[in-house]
Amino acid sequence: MTAPPTPGDRRDWLDDAKNVRTIVRALIAISAIAFLGSALYASHGFAIEDVFGFYGVYGFVACVALVMIAKAMRRVLMRPESYYDDDRY
């Protein structure tokens, strides 16, 4: 009988680099299939939507924009670490 692992020795399945590589490759494959699948989909909307891969590019640009906006908001909304410890209020 083996002793149970100590909290510092515990390894999860994502600690193995092979599993992480497998997940990344699967996500890349799914993204590529979805991107190429846009050629089979007939969209009915604005003319720009007919451009091959429009939705993939649009989603990527929107995600990057959200991250940039969040970084700017952090500068405005961030409070000092001792904000709630102040006795002035």
PDB file of N, CA and C in Angstrom:
ATOM      1  N   MET A   1       0.837  -1.169   0.000  1.00  0.00           N
ATOM      2  CA  MET A   1       0.000   0.000   0.000  1.00  0.00           C
ATOM      3  C   MET A   1       0.889   1.241   0.000  1.00  0.00           C
ATOM      4  N   THR A   2       0.547   2.188  -0.867  1.00  0.00           N
ATOM      5  CA  THR A   2       1.358   3.401  -0.965  1.00  0.00           C
ATOM      6  C   THR A   2       0.709   4.518  -0.162  1.00  0.00           C
ATOM      7  N   ALA A   3       1.548   5.399   0.291  1.00  0.00           N
ATOM      8  CA  ALA A   3       1.061   6.540   1.074  1.00  0.00           C
ATOM      9  C   ALA A   3       0.425   7.560   0.139  1.00  0.00           C
ATOM     10  N   PRO A   4      -0.589   8.270   0.600  1.00  0.00           N
ATOM     11  CA  PRO A   4      -1.206   9.294  -0.252  1.00  0.00           C
ATOM     12  C   PRO A   4      -0.202  10.410  -0.527  1.00  0.00           C
ATOM     13  N   PRO A   5      -0.286  11.025  -1.703  1.00  0.00           N
ATOM     14  CA  PRO A   5       0.669  12.089  -2.032  1.00  0.00           C
ATOM     15  C   PRO A   5       0.441  13.320  -1.164  1.00  0.00           C
ATOM     16  N   THR A   6       1.518  13.998  -0.869  1.00  0.00           N
ATOM     17  CA  THR A   6       1.403  15.246  -0.116  1.00  0.00           C
ATOM     18  C   THR A   6       0.906  16.333  -1.057  1.00  0.00           C
ATOM     19  N   PRO A   7       0.322  17.406  -0.525  1.00  0.00           N
ATOM     20  CA  PRO A   7      -0.233  18.443  -1.401  1.00  0.00           C
ATOM     21  C   PRO A   7       0.770  19.006  -2.403  1.00  0.00           C
ATOM     22  N   GLY A   8       2.029  19.080  -2.069  1.00  0.00           N
ATOM     23  CA  GLY A   8       3.027  19.613  -2.994  1.00  0.00           C
ATOM     24  C   GLY A   8       3.415  18.637  -4.082  1.00  0.00           C
ATOM     25  N   ASP A   9       3.180  17.351  -3.865  1.00  0.00           N
ATOM     26  CA  ASP A   9       3.570  16.328  -4.840  1.00  0.00           C
ATOM     27  C   ASP A   9       2.466  15.976  -5.825  1.00  0.00           C
ATOM     28  N   ARG A  10       1.306  16.472  -5.628  1.00  0.00           N
ATOM     29  CA  ARG A  10       0.158  16.110  -6.470  1.00  0.00           C
ATOM     30  C   ARG A  10       0.316  16.680  -7.870  1.00  0.00           C
ATOM     31  N   ARG A  11       0.102  15.840  -8.872  1.00  0.00           N
ATOM     32  CA  ARG A  11       0.179  16.276 -10.262  1.00  0.00           C
ATOM     33  C   ARG A  11      -1.168  16.003 -10.928  1.00  0.00           C
ATOM     34  N   ASP A  12      -1.695  17.010 -11.573  1.00  0.00           N
ATOM     35  CA  ASP A  12      -2.943  16.860 -12.317  1.00  0.00           C
ATOM     36  C   ASP A  12      -2.623  16.509 -13.763  1.00  0.00           C
ATOM     37  N   TRP A  13      -3.653  16.196 -14.519  1.00  0.00           N
ATOM     38  CA  TRP A  13      -3.435  15.768 -15.894  1.00  0.00           C
ATOM     39  C   TRP A  13      -2.938  16.911 -16.778  1.00  0.00           C
ATOM     40  N   LEU A  14      -3.169  18.160 -16.416  1.00  0.00           N
ATOM     41  CA  LEU A  14      -2.657  19.277 -17.213  1.00  0.00           C
ATOM     42  C   LEU A  14      -1.212  19.625 -16.868  1.00  0.00           C
ATOM     43  N   ASP A  15      -0.647  18.993 -15.854  1.00  0.00           N
ATOM     44  CA  ASP A  15       0.758  19.203 -15.523  1.00  0.00           C
ATOM     45  C   ASP A  15       1.681  18.492 -16.507  1.00  0.00           C
ATOM     46  N   ASP A  16       1.142  17.530 -17.229  1.00  0.00           N
ATOM     47  CA  ASP A  16       1.925  16.799 -18.220  1.00  0.00           C
ATOM     48  C   ASP A  16       1.933  17.585 -19.533  1.00  0.00           C
ATOM     49  N   ALA A  17       3.115  17.924 -20.031  1.00  0.00           N
ATOM     50  CA  ALA A  17       3.243  18.732 -21.247  1.00  0.00           C
ATOM     51  C   ALA A  17       2.615  18.039 -22.456  1.00  0.00           C
ATOM     52  N   LYS A  18       2.620  16.723 -22.477  1.00  0.00           N
ATOM     53  CA  LYS A  18       2.030  15.976 -23.592  1.00  0.00           C
ATOM     54  C   LYS A  18       0.520  16.243 -23.683  1.00  0.00           C
ATOM     55  N   ASN A  19      -0.157  16.275 -22.551  1.00  0.00           N
ATOM     56  CA  ASN A  19      -1.595  16.541 -22.539  1.00  0.00           C
ATOM     57  C   ASN A  19      -1.901  17.963 -22.993  1.00  0.00           C
ATOM     58  N   VAL A  20      -1.081  18.912 -22.581  1.00  0.00           N
ATOM     59  CA  VAL A  20      -1.291  20.303 -22.988  1.00  0.00           C
ATOM     60  C   VAL A  20      -1.099  20.430 -24.494  1.00  0.00           C
ATOM     61  N   ARG A  21      -0.053  19.804 -25.038  1.00  0.00           N
ATOM     62  CA  ARG A  21       0.174  19.833 -26.488  1.00  0.00           C
ATOM     63  C   ARG A  21      -0.996  19.223 -27.237  1.00  0.00           C
ATOM     64  N   THR A  22      -1.557  18.147 -26.717  1.00  0.00           N
ATOM     65  CA  THR A  22      -2.702  17.492 -27.356  1.00  0.00           C
ATOM     66  C   THR A  22      -3.900  18.434 -27.391  1.00  0.00           C
ATOM     67  N   ILE A  23      -4.158  19.137 -26.313  1.00  0.00           N
ATOM     68  CA  ILE A  23      -5.280  20.080 -26.259  1.00  0.00           C
ATOM     69  C   ILE A  23      -5.074  21.224 -27.233  1.00  0.00           C
ATOM     70  N   VAL A  24      -3.867  21.776 -27.265  1.00  0.00           N
ATOM     71  CA  VAL A  24      -3.581  22.886 -28.175  1.00  0.00           C
ATOM     72  C   VAL A  24      -3.744  22.442 -29.616  1.00  0.00           C
ATOM     73  N   ARG A  25      -3.230  21.277 -29.959  1.00  0.00           N
ATOM     74  CA  ARG A  25      -3.366  20.769 -31.334  1.00  0.00           C
ATOM     75  C   ARG A  25      -4.830  20.526 -31.687  1.00  0.00           C
ATOM     76  N   ALA A  26      -5.605  20.013 -30.754  1.00  0.00           N
ATOM     77  CA  ALA A  26      -7.028  19.781 -31.012  1.00  0.00           C
ATOM     78  C   ALA A  26      -7.753  21.105 -31.238  1.00  0.00           C
ATOM     79  N   LEU A  27      -7.441  22.123 -30.437  1.00  0.00           N
ATOM     80  CA  LEU A  27      -8.072  23.432 -30.623  1.00  0.00           C
ATOM     81  C   LEU A  27      -7.690  24.056 -31.965  1.00  0.00           C
ATOM     82  N   ILE A  28      -6.436  23.899 -32.370  1.00  0.00           N
ATOM     83  CA  ILE A  28      -6.001  24.417 -33.675  1.00  0.00           C
ATOM     84  C   ILE A  28      -6.736  23.696 -34.790  1.00  0.00           C
ATOM     85  N   ALA A  29      -6.873  22.381 -34.673  1.00  0.00           N
ATOM     86  CA  ALA A  29      -7.575  21.604 -35.699  1.00  0.00           C
ATOM     87  C   ALA A  29      -9.045  22.008 -35.778  1.00  0.00           C
ATOM     88  N   ILE A  30      -9.693  22.162 -34.642  1.00  0.00           N
ATOM     89  CA  ILE A  30     -11.103  22.569 -34.630  1.00  0.00           C
ATOM     90  C   ILE A  30     -11.264  23.959 -35.232  1.00  0.00           C
ATOM     91  N   SER A  31     -10.350  24.860 -34.898  1.00  0.00           N
ATOM     92  CA  SER A  31     -10.417  26.217 -35.451  1.00  0.00           C
ATOM     93  C   SER A  31     -10.214  26.205 -36.955  1.00  0.00           C
ATOM     94  N   ALA A  32      -9.271  25.406 -37.435  1.00  0.00           N
ATOM     95  CA  ALA A  32      -9.015  25.317 -38.873  1.00  0.00           C
ATOM     96  C   ALA A  32     -10.222  24.731 -39.608  1.00  0.00           C
ATOM     97  N   ILE A  33     -10.829  23.719 -39.033  1.00  0.00           N
ATOM     98  CA  ILE A  33     -12.014  23.113 -39.650  1.00  0.00           C
ATOM     99  C   ILE A  33     -13.161  24.121 -39.693  1.00  0.00           C
ATOM    100  N   ALA A  34     -13.354  24.862 -38.625  1.00  0.00           N
ATOM    101  CA  ALA A  34     -14.416  25.868 -38.598  1.00  0.00           C
ATOM    102  C   ALA A  34     -14.130  26.988 -39.595  1.00  0.00           C
ATOM    103  N   PHE A  35     -12.855  27.375 -39.704  1.00  0.00           N
ATOM    104  CA  PHE A  35     -12.466  28.425 -40.654  1.00  0.00           C
ATOM    105  C   PHE A  35     -12.710  27.954 -42.087  1.00  0.00           C
ATOM    106  N   LEU A  36     -12.294  26.744 -42.401  1.00  0.00           N
ATOM    107  CA  LEU A  36     -12.500  26.212 -43.743  1.00  0.00           C
ATOM    108  C   LEU A  36     -13.977  25.913 -44.007  1.00  0.00           C
ATOM    109  N   GLY A  37     -14.715  25.597 -42.968  1.00  0.00           N
ATOM    110  CA  GLY A  37     -16.143  25.338 -43.123  1.00  0.00           C
ATOM    111  C   GLY A  37     -16.929  26.566 -43.525  1.00  0.00           C
ATOM    112  N   SER A  38     -16.361  27.743 -43.299  1.00  0.00           N
ATOM    113  CA  SER A  38     -17.066  28.965 -43.689  1.00  0.00           C
ATOM    114  C   SER A  38     -17.206  29.068 -45.208  1.00  0.00           C
ATOM    115  N   ALA A  39     -16.398  28.322 -45.960  1.00  0.00           N
ATOM    116  CA  ALA A  39     -16.521  28.309 -47.420  1.00  0.00           C
ATOM    117  C   ALA A  39     -17.793  27.566 -47.840  1.00  0.00           C
ATOM    118  N   LEU A  40     -18.297  26.675 -47.007  1.00  0.00           N
ATOM    119  CA  LEU A  40     -19.479  25.893 -47.341  1.00  0.00           C
ATOM    120  C   LEU A  40     -20.773  26.560 -46.885  1.00  0.00           C
ATOM    121  N   TYR A  41     -20.668  27.598 -46.078  1.00  0.00           N
ATOM    122  CA  TYR A  41     -21.824  28.249 -45.497  1.00  0.00           C
ATOM    123  C   TYR A  41     -22.208  29.455 -46.345  1.00  0.00           C
ATOM    124  N   ALA A  42     -23.440  29.523 -46.776  1.00  0.00           N
ATOM    125  CA  ALA A  42     -23.918  30.657 -47.567  1.00  0.00           C
ATOM    126  C   ALA A  42     -24.551  31.669 -46.628  1.00  0.00           C
ATOM    127  N   SER A  43     -23.886  32.794 -46.442  1.00  0.00           N
ATOM    128  CA  SER A  43     -24.421  33.812 -45.540  1.00  0.00           C
ATOM    129  C   SER A  43     -25.253  34.811 -46.331  1.00  0.00           C
ATOM    130  N   HIS A  44     -26.243  35.352 -45.689  1.00  0.00           N
ATOM    131  CA  HIS A  44     -27.115  36.343 -46.312  1.00  0.00           C
ATOM    132  C   HIS A  44     -27.114  37.570 -45.414  1.00  0.00           C
ATOM    133  N   GLY A  45     -26.333  38.526 -45.776  1.00  0.00           N
ATOM    134  CA  GLY A  45     -26.229  39.722 -44.953  1.00  0.00           C
ATOM    135  C   GLY A  45     -25.475  40.795 -45.707  1.00  0.00           C
ATOM    136  N   PHE A  46     -24.615  41.458 -45.010  1.00  0.00           N
ATOM    137  CA  PHE A  46     -23.821  42.510 -45.625  1.00  0.00           C
ATOM    138  C   PHE A  46     -22.792  41.902 -46.568  1.00  0.00           C
ATOM    139  N   ALA A  47     -22.309  42.692 -47.514  1.00  0.00           N
ATOM    140  CA  ALA A  47     -21.362  42.195 -48.511  1.00  0.00           C
ATOM    141  C   ALA A  47     -20.057  41.735 -47.873  1.00  0.00           C
ATOM    142  N   ILE A  48     -19.645  42.380 -46.815  1.00  0.00           N
ATOM    143  CA  ILE A  48     -18.370  42.017 -46.166  1.00  0.00           C
ATOM    144  C   ILE A  48     -18.434  40.618 -45.572  1.00  0.00           C
ATOM    145  N   GLU A  49     -19.629  40.146 -45.256  1.00  0.00           N
ATOM    146  CA  GLU A  49     -19.774  38.815 -44.666  1.00  0.00           C
ATOM    147  C   GLU A  49     -19.486  37.706 -45.669  1.00  0.00           C
ATOM    148  N   ASP A  50     -19.436  38.032 -46.943  1.00  0.00           N
ATOM    149  CA  ASP A  50     -19.138  37.032 -47.961  1.00  0.00           C
ATOM    150  C   ASP A  50     -17.646  36.767 -48.090  1.00  0.00           C
ATOM    151  N   VAL A  51     -16.820  37.577 -47.459  1.00  0.00           N
ATOM    152  CA  VAL A  51     -15.373  37.376 -47.507  1.00  0.00           C
ATOM    153  C   VAL A  51     -15.036  36.090 -46.765  1.00  0.00           C
ATOM    154  N   PHE A  52     -14.179  35.272 -47.371  1.00  0.00           N
ATOM    155  CA  PHE A  52     -13.808  33.980 -46.788  1.00  0.00           C
ATOM    156  C   PHE A  52     -13.156  34.186 -45.427  1.00  0.00           C
ATOM    157  N   GLY A  53     -13.661  33.516 -44.406  1.00  0.00           N
ATOM    158  CA  GLY A  53     -13.093  33.574 -43.065  1.00  0.00           C
ATOM    159  C   GLY A  53     -13.437  34.842 -42.307  1.00  0.00           C
ATOM    160  N   PHE A  54     -14.448  35.577 -42.743  1.00  0.00           N
ATOM    161  CA  PHE A  54     -14.795  36.846 -42.102  1.00  0.00           C
ATOM    162  C   PHE A  54     -15.117  36.677 -40.625  1.00  0.00           C
ATOM    163  N   TYR A  55     -15.908  35.687 -40.286  1.00  0.00           N
ATOM    164  CA  TYR A  55     -16.344  35.515 -38.903  1.00  0.00           C
ATOM    165  C   TYR A  55     -15.181  35.133 -37.982  1.00  0.00           C
ATOM    166  N   GLY A  56     -14.247  34.351 -38.472  1.00  0.00           N
ATOM    167  CA  GLY A  56     -13.075  34.006 -37.675  1.00  0.00           C
ATOM    168  C   GLY A  56     -12.204  35.221 -37.399  1.00  0.00           C
ATOM    169  N   VAL A  57     -11.965  36.018 -38.434  1.00  0.00           N
ATOM    170  CA  VAL A  57     -11.153  37.231 -38.276  1.00  0.00           C
ATOM    171  C   VAL A  57     -11.886  38.231 -37.396  1.00  0.00           C
ATOM    172  N   TYR A  58     -13.172  38.384 -37.621  1.00  0.00           N
ATOM    173  CA  TYR A  58     -13.974  39.311 -36.820  1.00  0.00           C
ATOM    174  C   TYR A  58     -13.952  38.918 -35.342  1.00  0.00           C
ATOM    175  N   GLY A  59     -14.094  37.632 -35.055  1.00  0.00           N
ATOM    176  CA  GLY A  59     -14.065  37.156 -33.677  1.00  0.00           C
ATOM    177  C   GLY A  59     -12.707  37.384 -33.026  1.00  0.00           C
ATOM    178  N   PHE A  60     -11.634  37.151 -33.780  1.00  0.00           N
ATOM    179  CA  PHE A  60     -10.294  37.362 -33.241  1.00  0.00           C
ATOM    180  C   PHE A  60     -10.059  38.835 -32.940  1.00  0.00           C
ATOM    181  N   VAL A  61     -10.422  39.706 -33.872  1.00  0.00           N
ATOM    182  CA  VAL A  61     -10.238  41.146 -33.666  1.00  0.00           C
ATOM    183  C   VAL A  61     -11.090  41.626 -32.487  1.00  0.00           C
ATOM    184  N   ALA A  62     -12.304  41.134 -32.360  1.00  0.00           N
ATOM    185  CA  ALA A  62     -13.168  41.527 -31.245  1.00  0.00           C
ATOM    186  C   ALA A  62     -12.577  41.070 -29.910  1.00  0.00           C
ATOM    187  N   CYS A  63     -12.006  39.879 -29.872  1.00  0.00           N
ATOM    188  CA  CYS A  63     -11.399  39.370 -28.642  1.00  0.00           C
ATOM    189  C   CYS A  63     -10.190  40.208 -28.247  1.00  0.00           C
ATOM    190  N   VAL A  64      -9.342  40.542 -29.212  1.00  0.00           N
ATOM    191  CA  VAL A  64      -8.173  41.387 -28.927  1.00  0.00           C
ATOM    192  C   VAL A  64      -8.629  42.761 -28.449  1.00  0.00           C
ATOM    193  N   ALA A  65      -9.672  43.305 -29.077  1.00  0.00           N
ATOM    194  CA  ALA A  65     -10.184  44.614 -28.669  1.00  0.00           C
ATOM    195  C   ALA A  65     -10.711  44.570 -27.235  1.00  0.00           C
ATOM    196  N   LEU A  66     -11.400  43.505 -26.866  1.00  0.00           N
ATOM    197  CA  LEU A  66     -11.903  43.379 -25.499  1.00  0.00           C
ATOM    198  C   LEU A  66     -10.767  43.341 -24.481  1.00  0.00           C
ATOM    199  N   VAL A  67      -9.689  42.644 -24.813  1.00  0.00           N
ATOM    200  CA  VAL A  67      -8.541  42.585 -23.905  1.00  0.00           C
ATOM    201  C   VAL A  67      -7.913  43.963 -23.763  1.00  0.00           C
ATOM    202  N   MET A  68      -7.761  44.688 -24.866  1.00  0.00           N
ATOM    203  CA  MET A  68      -7.170  46.028 -24.811  1.00  0.00           C
ATOM    204  C   MET A  68      -8.055  46.991 -24.014  1.00  0.00           C
ATOM    205  N   ILE A  69      -9.347  46.900 -24.205  1.00  0.00           N
ATOM    206  CA  ILE A  69     -10.277  47.763 -23.450  1.00  0.00           C
ATOM    207  C   ILE A  69     -10.208  47.426 -21.964  1.00  0.00           C
ATOM    208  N   ALA A  70     -10.123  46.141 -21.633  1.00  0.00           N
ATOM    209  CA  ALA A  70     -10.034  45.740 -20.232  1.00  0.00           C
ATOM    210  C   ALA A  70      -8.744  46.251 -19.590  1.00  0.00           C
ATOM    211  N   LYS A  71      -7.641  46.243 -20.346  1.00  0.00           N
ATOM    212  CA  LYS A  71      -6.382  46.763 -19.810  1.00  0.00           C
ATOM    213  C   LYS A  71      -6.484  48.264 -19.545  1.00  0.00           C
ATOM    214  N   ALA A  72      -7.153  48.992 -20.440  1.00  0.00           N
ATOM    215  CA  ALA A  72      -7.332  50.426 -20.235  1.00  0.00           C
ATOM    216  C   ALA A  72      -8.249  50.692 -19.042  1.00  0.00           C
ATOM    217  N   MET A  73      -9.300  49.908 -18.907  1.00  0.00           N
ATOM    218  CA  MET A  73     -10.218  50.071 -17.777  1.00  0.00           C
ATOM    219  C   MET A  73      -9.525  49.767 -16.457  1.00  0.00           C
ATOM    220  N   ARG A  74      -8.595  48.855 -16.476  1.00  0.00           N
ATOM    221  CA  ARG A  74      -7.869  48.507 -15.251  1.00  0.00           C
ATOM    222  C   ARG A  74      -7.100  49.714 -14.727  1.00  0.00           C
ATOM    223  N   ARG A  75      -6.506  50.473 -15.636  1.00  0.00           N
ATOM    224  CA  ARG A  75      -5.771  51.666 -15.217  1.00  0.00           C
ATOM    225  C   ARG A  75      -6.690  52.688 -14.558  1.00  0.00           C
ATOM    226  N   VAL A  76      -7.906  52.786 -15.057  1.00  0.00           N
ATOM    227  CA  VAL A  76      -8.856  53.768 -14.534  1.00  0.00           C
ATOM    228  C   VAL A  76      -9.474  53.287 -13.221  1.00  0.00           C
ATOM    229  N   LEU A  77      -9.820  52.012 -13.142  1.00  0.00           N
ATOM    230  CA  LEU A  77     -10.573  51.495 -12.009  1.00  0.00           C
ATOM    231  C   LEU A  77      -9.725  50.936 -10.874  1.00  0.00           C
ATOM    232  N   MET A  78      -8.436  50.728 -11.107  1.00  0.00           N
ATOM    233  CA  MET A  78      -7.596  50.103 -10.089  1.00  0.00           C
ATOM    234  C   MET A  78      -7.450  51.008  -8.863  1.00  0.00           C
ATOM    235  N   ARG A  79      -7.500  50.397  -7.711  1.00  0.00           N
ATOM    236  CA  ARG A  79      -7.359  51.097  -6.440  1.00  0.00           C
ATOM    237  C   ARG A  79      -6.080  50.613  -5.762  1.00  0.00           C
ATOM    238  N   PRO A  80      -5.528  51.443  -4.874  1.00  0.00           N
ATOM    239  CA  PRO A  80      -4.337  50.983  -4.156  1.00  0.00           C
ATOM    240  C   PRO A  80      -4.648  49.771  -3.282  1.00  0.00           C
ATOM    241  N   GLU A  81      -3.619  49.050  -2.953  1.00  0.00           N
ATOM    242  CA  GLU A  81      -3.795  47.833  -2.175  1.00  0.00           C
ATOM    243  C   GLU A  81      -4.406  48.117  -0.809  1.00  0.00           C
ATOM    244  N   SER A  82      -4.143  49.277  -0.263  1.00  0.00           N
ATOM    245  CA  SER A  82      -4.650  49.630   1.065  1.00  0.00           C
ATOM    246  C   SER A  82      -5.948  50.438   0.992  1.00  0.00           C
ATOM    247  N   TYR A  83      -6.676  50.322  -0.102  1.00  0.00           N
ATOM    248  CA  TYR A  83      -7.879  51.130  -0.317  1.00  0.00           C
ATOM    249  C   TYR A  83      -8.910  50.934   0.791  1.00  0.00           C
ATOM    250  N   TYR A  84      -9.165  49.699   1.178  1.00  0.00           N
ATOM    251  CA  TYR A  84     -10.189  49.430   2.191  1.00  0.00           C
ATOM    252  C   TYR A  84      -9.640  49.547   3.620  1.00  0.00           C
ATOM    253  N   ASP A  85      -8.341  49.685   3.746  1.00  0.00           N
ATOM    254  CA  ASP A  85      -7.745  49.819   5.072  1.00  0.00           C
ATOM    255  C   ASP A  85      -7.631  51.270   5.513  1.00  0.00           C
ATOM    256  N   ASP A  86      -7.912  52.183   4.622  1.00  0.00           N
ATOM    257  CA  ASP A  86      -7.812  53.599   4.977  1.00  0.00           C
ATOM    258  C   ASP A  86      -8.807  53.966   6.080  1.00  0.00           C
ATOM    259  N   ASP A  87      -8.358  54.753   7.054  1.00  0.00           N
ATOM    260  CA  ASP A  87      -9.238  55.210   8.135  1.00  0.00           C
ATOM    261  C   ASP A  87      -9.865  56.558   7.831  1.00  0.00           C
ATOM    262  N   ARG A  88      -9.599  57.080   6.653  1.00  0.00           N
ATOM    263  CA  ARG A  88     -10.123  58.404   6.315  1.00  0.00           C
ATOM    264  C   ARG A  88     -11.620  58.372   6.086  1.00  0.00           C
ATOM    265  N   TYR A  89     -12.195  57.233   5.777  1.00  0.00           N
ATOM    266  CA  TYR A  89     -13.618  57.187   5.432  1.00  0.00           C
ATOM    267  C   TYR A  89     -14.441  56.682   6.575  1.00  0.00           C
TER     268      TYR A  89
END
